[in-house]
Amino acid sequence: MKKNLLKDLRGGKSQAEIAKEFNVSQQGWQSWEIGRTVPDNATMLQMEMKFNVPMEVIFFDSFNYKKP
């Protein structure tokens, strides 16, 4: 399963709290956090600005997927 830095970046906030900041459901955030899905580019850009971490770093596995 793909991993990303979202859990670390949300810090002490709950999934519901951070999801509200990005105008998504808690379930949507959870899906991003466990790597099931990724946000759209606009949301990734918002995350990049909020967390001051490039989206390519936050979602490293998604940007560096290689077929076997």
N, C-alpha and C. Protein backbone atom coordinates (compact mmCIF):
# COMPACT_ATOMS: atom_id res chain seq x y z
N MET A 1 0.84 -1.19 0.00
CA MET A 1 0.00 0.00 0.00
C MET A 1 0.89 1.25 0.00
N LYS A 2 0.48 2.22 -0.77
CA LYS A 2 1.25 3.45 -0.86
C LYS A 2 1.16 4.23 0.44
N LYS A 3 2.23 4.90 0.76
CA LYS A 3 2.27 5.72 1.97
C LYS A 3 2.57 7.16 1.57
N ASN A 4 2.24 8.08 2.44
CA ASN A 4 2.55 9.48 2.24
C ASN A 4 2.75 10.13 3.61
N LEU A 5 2.99 11.42 3.60
CA LEU A 5 3.31 12.12 4.85
C LEU A 5 2.11 12.77 5.52
N LEU A 6 0.91 12.57 5.02
CA LEU A 6 -0.24 13.30 5.54
C LEU A 6 -0.49 13.08 7.03
N LYS A 7 -0.33 11.86 7.49
CA LYS A 7 -0.55 11.59 8.91
C LYS A 7 0.43 12.40 9.76
N ASP A 8 1.67 12.44 9.35
CA ASP A 8 2.67 13.21 10.08
C ASP A 8 2.39 14.71 9.99
N LEU A 9 1.99 15.18 8.82
CA LEU A 9 1.78 16.60 8.63
C LEU A 9 0.56 17.14 9.36
N ARG A 10 -0.45 16.30 9.59
CA ARG A 10 -1.63 16.80 10.30
C ARG A 10 -1.36 16.98 11.79
N GLY A 11 -0.26 16.41 12.27
CA GLY A 11 0.14 16.61 13.67
C GLY A 11 -0.89 16.09 14.64
N GLY A 12 -1.25 16.90 15.62
CA GLY A 12 -2.19 16.49 16.64
C GLY A 12 -3.65 16.65 16.25
N LYS A 13 -3.91 17.14 15.05
CA LYS A 13 -5.28 17.32 14.61
C LYS A 13 -5.89 15.98 14.22
N SER A 14 -7.19 15.87 14.42
CA SER A 14 -7.88 14.66 13.98
C SER A 14 -8.05 14.72 12.46
N GLN A 15 -8.37 13.58 11.87
CA GLN A 15 -8.64 13.55 10.43
C GLN A 15 -9.80 14.47 10.09
N ALA A 16 -10.82 14.49 10.94
CA ALA A 16 -12.00 15.32 10.68
C ALA A 16 -11.63 16.81 10.72
N GLU A 17 -10.77 17.19 11.66
CA GLU A 17 -10.37 18.60 11.77
C GLU A 17 -9.59 19.06 10.55
N ILE A 18 -8.60 18.27 10.14
CA ILE A 18 -7.78 18.67 9.00
C ILE A 18 -8.58 18.56 7.70
N ALA A 19 -9.46 17.58 7.61
CA ALA A 19 -10.30 17.44 6.41
C ALA A 19 -11.16 18.67 6.21
N LYS A 20 -11.68 19.22 7.30
CA LYS A 20 -12.52 20.42 7.22
C LYS A 20 -11.73 21.59 6.64
N GLU A 21 -10.45 21.69 6.99
CA GLU A 21 -9.60 22.77 6.46
C GLU A 21 -9.44 22.68 4.95
N PHE A 22 -9.52 21.46 4.42
CA PHE A 22 -9.37 21.27 2.98
C PHE A 22 -10.71 21.00 2.29
N ASN A 23 -11.79 21.22 3.04
CA ASN A 23 -13.14 21.11 2.50
C ASN A 23 -13.43 19.73 1.90
N VAL A 24 -13.02 18.68 2.63
CA VAL A 24 -13.33 17.30 2.24
C VAL A 24 -13.88 16.56 3.46
N SER A 25 -14.42 15.40 3.23
CA SER A 25 -14.93 14.59 4.34
C SER A 25 -13.77 13.91 5.06
N GLN A 26 -14.05 13.46 6.26
CA GLN A 26 -13.05 12.70 7.02
C GLN A 26 -12.68 11.44 6.25
N GLN A 27 -13.66 10.81 5.62
CA GLN A 27 -13.40 9.59 4.85
C GLN A 27 -12.51 9.89 3.65
N GLY A 28 -12.71 11.04 3.04
CA GLY A 28 -11.85 11.44 1.92
C GLY A 28 -10.41 11.62 2.37
N TRP A 29 -10.26 12.30 3.51
CA TRP A 29 -8.90 12.50 4.04
C TRP A 29 -8.26 11.16 4.37
N GLN A 30 -9.03 10.29 5.01
CA GLN A 30 -8.50 8.98 5.39
C GLN A 30 -8.03 8.21 4.15
N SER A 31 -8.80 8.29 3.09
CA SER A 31 -8.44 7.61 1.84
C SER A 31 -7.12 8.13 1.29
N TRP A 32 -6.90 9.45 1.39
CA TRP A 32 -5.63 10.03 0.96
C TRP A 32 -4.51 9.58 1.88
N GLU A 33 -4.78 9.59 3.17
CA GLU A 33 -3.75 9.29 4.17
C GLU A 33 -3.23 7.86 4.04
N ILE A 34 -4.11 6.91 3.73
CA ILE A 34 -3.66 5.53 3.61
C ILE A 34 -3.18 5.20 2.20
N GLY A 35 -3.30 6.14 1.28
CA GLY A 35 -2.79 5.95 -0.07
C GLY A 35 -3.75 5.28 -1.02
N ARG A 36 -5.01 5.15 -0.64
CA ARG A 36 -6.01 4.55 -1.53
C ARG A 36 -6.28 5.46 -2.73
N THR A 37 -6.37 6.76 -2.45
CA THR A 37 -6.57 7.76 -3.50
C THR A 37 -5.66 8.94 -3.22
N VAL A 38 -5.61 9.87 -4.15
CA VAL A 38 -4.86 11.11 -3.95
C VAL A 38 -5.79 12.28 -4.28
N PRO A 39 -5.54 13.42 -3.67
CA PRO A 39 -6.36 14.59 -3.97
C PRO A 39 -6.09 15.12 -5.37
N ASP A 40 -6.99 15.99 -5.82
CA ASP A 40 -6.76 16.62 -7.13
C ASP A 40 -5.58 17.59 -7.02
N ASN A 41 -5.12 18.07 -8.16
CA ASN A 41 -3.93 18.92 -8.18
C ASN A 41 -4.11 20.21 -7.39
N ALA A 42 -5.30 20.80 -7.46
CA ALA A 42 -5.55 22.05 -6.72
C ALA A 42 -5.41 21.83 -5.22
N THR A 43 -5.93 20.71 -4.73
CA THR A 43 -5.83 20.41 -3.31
C THR A 43 -4.39 20.09 -2.92
N MET A 44 -3.69 19.39 -3.78
CA MET A 44 -2.28 19.12 -3.50
C MET A 44 -1.50 20.43 -3.39
N LEU A 45 -1.83 21.38 -4.25
CA LEU A 45 -1.16 22.67 -4.20
C LEU A 45 -1.48 23.40 -2.90
N GLN A 46 -2.72 23.32 -2.43
CA GLN A 46 -3.10 23.91 -1.14
C GLN A 46 -2.28 23.27 -0.01
N MET A 47 -2.14 21.95 -0.06
CA MET A 47 -1.36 21.24 0.96
C MET A 47 0.09 21.68 0.92
N GLU A 48 0.62 21.80 -0.28
CA GLU A 48 2.01 22.23 -0.45
C GLU A 48 2.23 23.59 0.22
N MET A 49 1.29 24.50 0.01
CA MET A 49 1.43 25.84 0.60
C MET A 49 1.22 25.81 2.12
N LYS A 50 0.24 25.07 2.60
CA LYS A 50 -0.05 25.02 4.03
C LYS A 50 1.09 24.38 4.81
N PHE A 51 1.59 23.24 4.32
CA PHE A 51 2.60 22.49 5.05
C PHE A 51 4.03 22.89 4.69
N ASN A 52 4.18 23.71 3.64
CA ASN A 52 5.50 24.13 3.17
C ASN A 52 6.38 22.94 2.81
N VAL A 53 5.75 21.96 2.17
CA VAL A 53 6.43 20.75 1.70
C VAL A 53 5.95 20.49 0.27
N PRO A 54 6.86 20.27 -0.68
CA PRO A 54 6.42 20.02 -2.06
C PRO A 54 5.49 18.81 -2.16
N MET A 55 4.50 18.91 -3.03
CA MET A 55 3.54 17.81 -3.20
C MET A 55 4.23 16.52 -3.63
N GLU A 56 5.34 16.65 -4.36
CA GLU A 56 6.08 15.46 -4.78
C GLU A 56 6.71 14.74 -3.60
N VAL A 57 6.94 15.46 -2.52
CA VAL A 57 7.47 14.86 -1.31
C VAL A 57 6.33 14.26 -0.49
N ILE A 58 5.24 15.01 -0.35
CA ILE A 58 4.09 14.52 0.41
C ILE A 58 3.57 13.22 -0.18
N PHE A 59 3.45 13.19 -1.49
CA PHE A 59 2.89 12.02 -2.19
C PHE A 59 3.97 11.32 -3.01
N PHE A 60 5.11 11.08 -2.40
CA PHE A 60 6.27 10.52 -3.10
C PHE A 60 5.92 9.27 -3.90
N ASP A 61 5.25 8.30 -3.27
CA ASP A 61 4.95 7.05 -3.95
C ASP A 61 4.05 7.26 -5.17
N SER A 62 3.13 8.19 -5.08
CA SER A 62 2.23 8.45 -6.21
C SER A 62 2.97 9.09 -7.38
N PHE A 63 3.95 9.94 -7.08
CA PHE A 63 4.68 10.59 -8.14
C PHE A 63 5.82 9.73 -8.68
N ASN A 64 6.19 8.69 -7.98
CA ASN A 64 7.34 7.86 -8.37
C ASN A 64 6.95 6.40 -8.56
N TYR A 65 5.73 6.17 -8.99
CA TYR A 65 5.26 4.81 -9.21
C TYR A 65 5.95 4.22 -10.43
N LYS A 66 6.45 3.01 -10.26
CA LYS A 66 7.09 2.31 -11.37
C LYS A 66 6.41 0.96 -11.55
N LYS A 67 6.09 0.63 -12.78
CA LYS A 67 5.51 -0.67 -13.06
C LYS A 67 6.60 -1.73 -12.95
N PRO A 68 6.26 -2.90 -12.40
CA PRO A 68 7.27 -3.97 -12.27
C PRO A 68 7.70 -4.51 -13.61
